[in-house]
Amino acid sequence: MKAGRVDPVDELKEAVARPLSFGQTVRAVAWSFFGVRKGAEHEADMARLNPVHVIVAGVIGAALFVLALVMLVRWIIASGVAS
């Protein structure tokens, strides 16, 4: 390895060991779904977020979003408004 280069495996190990809680990660992912995150707060979160937590929170958030859309469509169809 050349001097000054960081091993990607070491970077990944460091990222996974980041201390931000899952609840804080869920909050950051929820803000990203809405797209209303301030630049400075986004950069601070990126330095602290655990990438595994981000992936899990993103998948859960996407699944809940799809479930909410399906429930909304079913409710509209059942109410007779769509007829």
PDB file of N, CA and C in Angstrom:
ATOM      1  N   MET A   1       0.847  -1.180   0.000  1.00  0.00           N
ATOM      2  CA  MET A   1       0.000   0.000   0.000  1.00  0.00           C
ATOM      3  C   MET A   1       0.884   1.231   0.000  1.00  0.00           C
ATOM      4  N   LYS A   2       0.531   2.248  -0.767  1.00  0.00           N
ATOM      5  CA  LYS A   2       1.314   3.470  -0.866  1.00  0.00           C
ATOM      6  C   LYS A   2       1.075   4.343   0.357  1.00  0.00           C
ATOM      7  N   ALA A   3       2.090   5.130   0.693  1.00  0.00           N
ATOM      8  CA  ALA A   3       1.966   6.039   1.819  1.00  0.00           C
ATOM      9  C   ALA A   3       0.880   7.067   1.525  1.00  0.00           C
ATOM     10  N   GLY A   4       0.067   7.372   2.522  1.00  0.00           N
ATOM     11  CA  GLY A   4      -0.978   8.361   2.360  1.00  0.00           C
ATOM     12  C   GLY A   4      -2.310   7.806   1.887  1.00  0.00           C
ATOM     13  N   ARG A   5      -2.320   6.574   1.420  1.00  0.00           N
ATOM     14  CA  ARG A   5      -3.583   5.974   0.962  1.00  0.00           C
ATOM     15  C   ARG A   5      -4.223   5.220   2.119  1.00  0.00           C
ATOM     16  N   VAL A   6      -5.527   5.306   2.182  1.00  0.00           N
ATOM     17  CA  VAL A   6      -6.274   4.620   3.229  1.00  0.00           C
ATOM     18  C   VAL A   6      -6.888   3.373   2.636  1.00  0.00           C
ATOM     19  N   ASP A   7      -6.779   2.287   3.362  1.00  0.00           N
ATOM     20  CA  ASP A   7      -7.343   1.019   2.920  1.00  0.00           C
ATOM     21  C   ASP A   7      -8.872   1.104   2.980  1.00  0.00           C
ATOM     22  N   PRO A   8      -9.584   0.760   1.889  1.00  0.00           N
ATOM     23  CA  PRO A   8     -11.051   0.819   1.898  1.00  0.00           C
ATOM     24  C   PRO A   8     -11.677  -0.051   2.989  1.00  0.00           C
ATOM     25  N   VAL A   9     -11.040  -1.154   3.310  1.00  0.00           N
ATOM     26  CA  VAL A   9     -11.564  -2.026   4.371  1.00  0.00           C
ATOM     27  C   VAL A   9     -11.498  -1.300   5.713  1.00  0.00           C
ATOM     28  N   ASP A  10     -10.407  -0.593   5.954  1.00  0.00           N
ATOM     29  CA  ASP A  10     -10.291   0.172   7.191  1.00  0.00           C
ATOM     30  C   ASP A  10     -11.323   1.294   7.244  1.00  0.00           C
ATOM     31  N   GLU A  11     -11.564   1.940   6.108  1.00  0.00           N
ATOM     32  CA  GLU A  11     -12.585   2.987   6.053  1.00  0.00           C
ATOM     33  C   GLU A  11     -13.961   2.426   6.370  1.00  0.00           C
ATOM     34  N   LEU A  12     -14.267   1.260   5.824  1.00  0.00           N
ATOM     35  CA  LEU A  12     -15.567   0.639   6.071  1.00  0.00           C
ATOM     36  C   LEU A  12     -15.711   0.248   7.539  1.00  0.00           C
ATOM     37  N   LYS A  13     -14.657  -0.305   8.121  1.00  0.00           N
ATOM     38  CA  LYS A  13     -14.700  -0.675   9.544  1.00  0.00           C
ATOM     39  C   LYS A  13     -14.924   0.553  10.412  1.00  0.00           C
ATOM     40  N   GLU A  14     -14.262   1.654  10.062  1.00  0.00           N
ATOM     41  CA  GLU A  14     -14.430   2.889  10.815  1.00  0.00           C
ATOM     42  C   GLU A  14     -15.854   3.426  10.667  1.00  0.00           C
ATOM     43  N   ALA A  15     -16.403   3.352   9.469  1.00  0.00           N
ATOM     44  CA  ALA A  15     -17.755   3.863   9.220  1.00  0.00           C
ATOM     45  C   ALA A  15     -18.806   3.059   9.962  1.00  0.00           C
ATOM     46  N   VAL A  16     -18.629   1.745  10.003  1.00  0.00           N
ATOM     47  CA  VAL A  16     -19.615   0.891  10.677  1.00  0.00           C
ATOM     48  C   VAL A  16     -19.563   1.082  12.186  1.00  0.00           C
ATOM     49  N   ALA A  17     -18.432   1.525  12.699  1.00  0.00           N
ATOM     50  CA  ALA A  17     -18.286   1.724  14.144  1.00  0.00           C
ATOM     51  C   ALA A  17     -18.733   3.111  14.598  1.00  0.00           C
ATOM     52  N   ARG A  18     -19.297   3.907  13.721  1.00  0.00           N
ATOM     53  CA  ARG A  18     -19.718   5.263  14.081  1.00  0.00           C
ATOM     54  C   ARG A  18     -20.812   5.221  15.152  1.00  0.00           C
ATOM     55  N   PRO A  19     -20.821   6.209  16.037  1.00  0.00           N
ATOM     56  CA  PRO A  19     -21.662   6.130  17.229  1.00  0.00           C
ATOM     57  C   PRO A  19     -23.107   6.593  17.095  1.00  0.00           C
ATOM     58  N   LEU A  20     -23.517   7.181  15.985  1.00  0.00           N
ATOM     59  CA  LEU A  20     -24.867   7.726  15.884  1.00  0.00           C
ATOM     60  C   LEU A  20     -25.904   6.619  16.079  1.00  0.00           C
ATOM     61  N   SER A  21     -26.910   6.885  16.888  1.00  0.00           N
ATOM     62  CA  SER A  21     -27.911   5.866  17.197  1.00  0.00           C
ATOM     63  C   SER A  21     -28.822   5.613  16.000  1.00  0.00           C
ATOM     64  N   PHE A  22     -29.521   4.483  16.035  1.00  0.00           N
ATOM     65  CA  PHE A  22     -30.429   4.142  14.948  1.00  0.00           C
ATOM     66  C   PHE A  22     -31.560   5.154  14.854  1.00  0.00           C
ATOM     67  N   GLY A  23     -32.030   5.643  15.987  1.00  0.00           N
ATOM     68  CA  GLY A  23     -33.100   6.651  15.984  1.00  0.00           C
ATOM     69  C   GLY A  23     -32.674   7.933  15.294  1.00  0.00           C
ATOM     70  N   GLN A  24     -31.451   8.377  15.542  1.00  0.00           N
ATOM     71  CA  GLN A  24     -30.940   9.572  14.875  1.00  0.00           C
ATOM     72  C   GLN A  24     -30.769   9.319  13.380  1.00  0.00           C
ATOM     73  N   THR A  25     -30.392   8.082  13.040  1.00  0.00           N
ATOM     74  CA  THR A  25     -30.246   7.723  11.629  1.00  0.00           C
ATOM     75  C   THR A  25     -31.607   7.743  10.939  1.00  0.00           C
ATOM     76  N   VAL A  26     -32.625   7.225  11.598  1.00  0.00           N
ATOM     77  CA  VAL A  26     -33.982   7.235  11.036  1.00  0.00           C
ATOM     78  C   VAL A  26     -34.425   8.666  10.790  1.00  0.00           C
ATOM     79  N   ARG A  27     -34.121   9.561  11.711  1.00  0.00           N
ATOM     80  CA  ARG A  27     -34.485  10.972  11.545  1.00  0.00           C
ATOM     81  C   ARG A  27     -33.778  11.571  10.324  1.00  0.00           C
ATOM     82  N   ALA A  28     -32.504  11.286  10.172  1.00  0.00           N
ATOM     83  CA  ALA A  28     -31.747  11.812   9.030  1.00  0.00           C
ATOM     84  C   ALA A  28     -32.276  11.247   7.714  1.00  0.00           C
ATOM     85  N   VAL A  29     -32.624   9.964   7.694  1.00  0.00           N
ATOM     86  CA  VAL A  29     -33.158   9.339   6.477  1.00  0.00           C
ATOM     87  C   VAL A  29     -34.543   9.910   6.166  1.00  0.00           C
ATOM     88  N   ALA A  30     -35.354  10.131   7.190  1.00  0.00           N
ATOM     89  CA  ALA A  30     -36.685  10.714   6.970  1.00  0.00           C
ATOM     90  C   ALA A  30     -36.563  12.107   6.353  1.00  0.00           C
ATOM     91  N   TRP A  31     -35.641  12.919   6.854  1.00  0.00           N
ATOM     92  CA  TRP A  31     -35.430  14.240   6.264  1.00  0.00           C
ATOM     93  C   TRP A  31     -34.971  14.113   4.823  1.00  0.00           C
ATOM     94  N   SER A  32     -34.155  13.112   4.534  1.00  0.00           N
ATOM     95  CA  SER A  32     -33.675  12.952   3.154  1.00  0.00           C
ATOM     96  C   SER A  32     -34.804  12.528   2.221  1.00  0.00           C
ATOM     97  N   PHE A  33     -35.803  11.797   2.737  1.00  0.00           N
ATOM     98  CA  PHE A  33     -36.960  11.437   1.913  1.00  0.00           C
ATOM     99  C   PHE A  33     -37.711  12.691   1.473  1.00  0.00           C
ATOM    100  N   PHE A  34     -37.782  13.689   2.359  1.00  0.00           N
ATOM    101  CA  PHE A  34     -38.481  14.929   2.032  1.00  0.00           C
ATOM    102  C   PHE A  34     -37.594  15.896   1.252  1.00  0.00           C
ATOM    103  N   GLY A  35     -36.291  15.709   1.321  1.00  0.00           N
ATOM    104  CA  GLY A  35     -35.360  16.555   0.588  1.00  0.00           C
ATOM    105  C   GLY A  35     -35.197  17.943   1.161  1.00  0.00           C
ATOM    106  N   VAL A  36     -35.395  18.089   2.452  1.00  0.00           N
ATOM    107  CA  VAL A  36     -35.286  19.407   3.076  1.00  0.00           C
ATOM    108  C   VAL A  36     -34.207  19.405   4.157  1.00  0.00           C
ATOM    109  N   ARG A  37     -33.030  19.010   3.803  1.00  0.00           N
ATOM    110  CA  ARG A  37     -31.914  18.938   4.752  1.00  0.00           C
ATOM    111  C   ARG A  37     -30.956  20.086   4.486  1.00  0.00           C
ATOM    112  N   LYS A  38     -30.550  20.794   5.532  1.00  0.00           N
ATOM    113  CA  LYS A  38     -29.584  21.875   5.380  1.00  0.00           C
ATOM    114  C   LYS A  38     -28.212  21.286   5.071  1.00  0.00           C
ATOM    115  N   GLY A  39     -27.436  21.985   4.290  1.00  0.00           N
ATOM    116  CA  GLY A  39     -26.132  21.496   3.862  1.00  0.00           C
ATOM    117  C   GLY A  39     -25.195  21.182   5.015  1.00  0.00           C
ATOM    118  N   ALA A  40     -25.113  22.075   5.998  1.00  0.00           N
ATOM    119  CA  ALA A  40     -24.195  21.869   7.124  1.00  0.00           C
ATOM    120  C   ALA A  40     -24.627  20.671   7.968  1.00  0.00           C
ATOM    121  N   GLU A  41     -25.924  20.536   8.199  1.00  0.00           N
ATOM    122  CA  GLU A  41     -26.422  19.399   8.979  1.00  0.00           C
ATOM    123  C   GLU A  41     -26.213  18.094   8.223  1.00  0.00           C
ATOM    124  N   HIS A  42     -26.397  18.134   6.914  1.00  0.00           N
ATOM    125  CA  HIS A  42     -26.181  16.947   6.086  1.00  0.00           C
ATOM    126  C   HIS A  42     -24.722  16.497   6.172  1.00  0.00           C
ATOM    127  N   GLU A  43     -23.800  17.428   6.043  1.00  0.00           N
ATOM    128  CA  GLU A  43     -22.374  17.093   6.115  1.00  0.00           C
ATOM    129  C   GLU A  43     -22.014  16.538   7.492  1.00  0.00           C
ATOM    130  N   ALA A  44     -22.579  17.111   8.555  1.00  0.00           N
ATOM    131  CA  ALA A  44     -22.303  16.617   9.907  1.00  0.00           C
ATOM    132  C   ALA A  44     -22.839  15.202  10.088  1.00  0.00           C
ATOM    133  N   ASP A  45     -24.034  14.945   9.571  1.00  0.00           N
ATOM    134  CA  ASP A  45     -24.606  13.599   9.675  1.00  0.00           C
ATOM    135  C   ASP A  45     -23.803  12.584   8.871  1.00  0.00           C
ATOM    136  N   MET A  46     -23.341  12.979   7.688  1.00  0.00           N
ATOM    137  CA  MET A  46     -22.578  12.053   6.851  1.00  0.00           C
ATOM    138  C   MET A  46     -21.294  11.610   7.548  1.00  0.00           C
ATOM    139  N   ALA A  47     -20.734  12.479   8.367  1.00  0.00           N
ATOM    140  CA  ALA A  47     -19.516  12.131   9.092  1.00  0.00           C
ATOM    141  C   ALA A  47     -19.802  11.218  10.273  1.00  0.00           C
ATOM    142  N   ARG A  48     -21.063  11.203  10.754  1.00  0.00           N
ATOM    143  CA  ARG A  48     -21.388  10.433  11.958  1.00  0.00           C
ATOM    144  C   ARG A  48     -22.271   9.220  11.701  1.00  0.00           C
ATOM    145  N   LEU A  49     -22.975   9.170  10.568  1.00  0.00           N
ATOM    146  CA  LEU A  49     -23.929   8.085  10.337  1.00  0.00           C
ATOM    147  C   LEU A  49     -23.240   6.750  10.104  1.00  0.00           C
ATOM    148  N   ASN A  50     -23.867   5.710  10.613  1.00  0.00           N
ATOM    149  CA  ASN A  50     -23.408   4.343  10.379  1.00  0.00           C
ATOM    150  C   ASN A  50     -24.063   3.883   9.076  1.00  0.00           C
ATOM    151  N   PRO A  51     -23.286   3.505   8.053  1.00  0.00           N
ATOM    152  CA  PRO A  51     -23.882   3.155   6.757  1.00  0.00           C
ATOM    153  C   PRO A  51     -24.838   1.964   6.824  1.00  0.00           C
ATOM    154  N   VAL A  52     -24.597   1.043   7.725  1.00  0.00           N
ATOM    155  CA  VAL A  52     -25.512  -0.099   7.870  1.00  0.00           C
ATOM    156  C   VAL A  52     -26.870   0.388   8.368  1.00  0.00           C
ATOM    157  N   HIS A  53     -26.847   1.301   9.326  1.00  0.00           N
ATOM    158  CA  HIS A  53     -28.105   1.870   9.835  1.00  0.00           C
ATOM    159  C   HIS A  53     -28.842   2.630   8.739  1.00  0.00           C
ATOM    160  N   VAL A  54     -28.094   3.351   7.887  1.00  0.00           N
ATOM    161  CA  VAL A  54     -28.713   4.124   6.811  1.00  0.00           C
ATOM    162  C   VAL A  54     -29.425   3.194   5.831  1.00  0.00           C
ATOM    163  N   ILE A  55     -28.783   2.095   5.471  1.00  0.00           N
ATOM    164  CA  ILE A  55     -29.393   1.145   4.538  1.00  0.00           C
ATOM    165  C   ILE A  55     -30.653   0.538   5.132  1.00  0.00           C
ATOM    166  N   VAL A  56     -30.573   0.095   6.386  1.00  0.00           N
ATOM    167  CA  VAL A  56     -31.739  -0.516   7.044  1.00  0.00           C
ATOM    168  C   VAL A  56     -32.873   0.498   7.166  1.00  0.00           C
ATOM    169  N   ALA A  57     -32.561   1.712   7.598  1.00  0.00           N
ATOM    170  CA  ALA A  57     -33.592   2.743   7.749  1.00  0.00           C
ATOM    171  C   ALA A  57     -34.197   3.108   6.396  1.00  0.00           C
ATOM    172  N   GLY A  58     -33.384   3.152   5.354  1.00  0.00           N
ATOM    173  CA  GLY A  58     -33.890   3.466   4.016  1.00  0.00           C
ATOM    174  C   GLY A  58     -34.834   2.406   3.486  1.00  0.00           C
ATOM    175  N   VAL A  59     -34.486   1.144   3.688  1.00  0.00           N
ATOM    176  CA  VAL A  59     -35.346   0.050   3.233  1.00  0.00           C
ATOM    177  C   VAL A  59     -36.660   0.055   4.009  1.00  0.00           C
ATOM    178  N   ILE A  60     -36.579   0.245   5.319  1.00  0.00           N
ATOM    179  CA  ILE A  60     -37.803   0.296   6.133  1.00  0.00           C
ATOM    180  C   ILE A  60     -38.665   1.487   5.729  1.00  0.00           C
ATOM    181  N   GLY A  61     -38.030   2.652   5.524  1.00  0.00           N
ATOM    182  CA  GLY A  61     -38.781   3.843   5.118  1.00  0.00           C
ATOM    183  C   GLY A  61     -39.453   3.664   3.772  1.00  0.00           C
ATOM    184  N   ALA A  62     -38.748   3.070   2.819  1.00  0.00           N
ATOM    185  CA  ALA A  62     -39.327   2.837   1.493  1.00  0.00           C
ATOM    186  C   ALA A  62     -40.496   1.857   1.577  1.00  0.00           C
ATOM    187  N   ALA A  63     -40.341   0.805   2.374  1.00  0.00           N
ATOM    188  CA  ALA A  63     -41.420  -0.174   2.534  1.00  0.00           C
ATOM    189  C   ALA A  63     -42.655   0.469   3.173  1.00  0.00           C
ATOM    190  N   LEU A  64     -42.449   1.303   4.178  1.00  0.00           N
ATOM    191  CA  LEU A  64     -43.581   1.992   4.811  1.00  0.00           C
ATOM    192  C   LEU A  64     -44.249   2.964   3.843  1.00  0.00           C
ATOM    193  N   PHE A  65     -43.461   3.638   3.014  1.00  0.00           N
ATOM    194  CA  PHE A  65     -44.015   4.549   2.020  1.00  0.00           C
ATOM    195  C   PHE A  65     -44.887   3.804   1.012  1.00  0.00           C
ATOM    196  N   VAL A  66     -44.403   2.677   0.509  1.00  0.00           N
ATOM    197  CA  VAL A  66     -45.172   1.872  -0.446  1.00  0.00           C
ATOM    198  C   VAL A  66     -46.439   1.341   0.221  1.00  0.00           C
ATOM    199  N   LEU A  67     -46.328   0.863   1.451  1.00  0.00           N
ATOM    200  CA  LEU A  67     -47.490   0.363   2.186  1.00  0.00           C
ATOM    201  C   LEU A  67     -48.534   1.468   2.364  1.00  0.00           C
ATOM    202  N   ALA A  68     -48.085   2.682   2.693  1.00  0.00           N
ATOM    203  CA  ALA A  68     -49.019   3.800   2.855  1.00  0.00           C
ATOM    204  C   ALA A  68     -49.721   4.125   1.534  1.00  0.00           C
ATOM    205  N   LEU A  69     -48.977   4.082   0.430  1.00  0.00           N
ATOM    206  CA  LEU A  69     -49.606   4.338  -0.873  1.00  0.00           C
ATOM    207  C   LEU A  69     -50.632   3.267  -1.220  1.00  0.00           C
ATOM    208  N   VAL A  70     -50.305   2.001  -0.970  1.00  0.00           N
ATOM    209  CA  VAL A  70     -51.245   0.912  -1.249  1.00  0.00           C
ATOM    210  C   VAL A  70     -52.502   1.069  -0.401  1.00  0.00           C
ATOM    211  N   MET A  71     -52.324   1.397   0.876  1.00  0.00           N
ATOM    212  CA  MET A  71     -53.489   1.581   1.753  1.00  0.00           C
ATOM    213  C   MET A  71     -54.330   2.767   1.297  1.00  0.00           C
ATOM    214  N   LEU A  72     -53.692   3.857   0.846  1.00  0.00           N
ATOM    215  CA  LEU A  72     -54.426   5.021   0.359  1.00  0.00           C
ATOM    216  C   LEU A  72     -55.242   4.672  -0.886  1.00  0.00           C
ATOM    217  N   VAL A  73     -54.641   3.958  -1.819  1.00  0.00           N
ATOM    218  CA  VAL A  73     -55.353   3.561  -3.042  1.00  0.00           C
ATOM    219  C   VAL A  73     -56.515   2.645  -2.705  1.00  0.00           C
ATOM    220  N   ARG A  74     -56.307   1.683  -1.820  1.00  0.00           N
ATOM    221  CA  ARG A  74     -57.408   0.782  -1.411  1.00  0.00           C
ATOM    222  C   ARG A  74     -58.549   1.555  -0.763  1.00  0.00           C
ATOM    223  N   TRP A  75     -58.200   2.542   0.079  1.00  0.00           N
ATOM    224  CA  TRP A  75     -59.223   3.325   0.751  1.00  0.00           C
ATOM    225  C   TRP A  75     -60.015   4.151  -0.259  1.00  0.00           C
ATOM    226  N   ILE A  76     -59.328   4.740  -1.248  1.00  0.00           N
ATOM    227  CA  ILE A  76     -60.005   5.535  -2.265  1.00  0.00           C
ATOM    228  C   ILE A  76     -60.916   4.661  -3.102  1.00  0.00           C
ATOM    229  N   ILE A  77     -60.460   3.487  -3.480  1.00  0.00           N
ATOM    230  CA  ILE A  77     -61.281   2.571  -4.285  1.00  0.00           C
ATOM    231  C   ILE A  77     -62.490   2.091  -3.496  1.00  0.00           C
ATOM    232  N   ALA A  78     -62.280   1.750  -2.224  1.00  0.00           N
ATOM    233  CA  ALA A  78     -63.383   1.257  -1.388  1.00  0.00           C
ATOM    234  C   ALA A  78     -64.410   2.353  -1.094  1.00  0.00           C
ATOM    235  N   SER A  79     -63.992   3.604  -1.068  1.00  0.00           N
ATOM    236  CA  SER A  79     -64.925   4.687  -0.748  1.00  0.00           C
ATOM    237  C   SER A  79     -65.839   5.023  -1.926  1.00  0.00           C
ATOM    238  N   GLY A  80     -65.498   4.573  -3.122  1.00  0.00           N
ATOM    239  CA  GLY A  80     -66.325   4.831  -4.281  1.00  0.00           C
ATOM    240  C   GLY A  80     -66.011   6.139  -4.972  1.00  0.00           C
ATOM    241  N   VAL A  81     -65.039   6.868  -4.511  1.00  0.00           N
ATOM    242  CA  VAL A  81     -64.672   8.146  -5.108  1.00  0.00           C
ATOM    243  C   VAL A  81     -64.088   7.926  -6.491  1.00  0.00           C
ATOM    244  N   ALA A  82     -63.392   6.820  -6.682  1.00  0.00           N
ATOM    245  CA  ALA A  82     -62.713   6.557  -7.954  1.00  0.00           C
ATOM    246  C   ALA A  82     -63.661   6.034  -9.035  1.00  0.00           C
ATOM    247  N   SER A  83     -64.923   5.808  -8.707  1.00  0.00           N
ATOM    248  CA  SER A  83     -65.863   5.250  -9.695  1.00  0.00           C
ATOM    249  C   SER A  83     -66.349   6.258 -10.683  1.00  0.00           C
TER     250      SER A  83
END
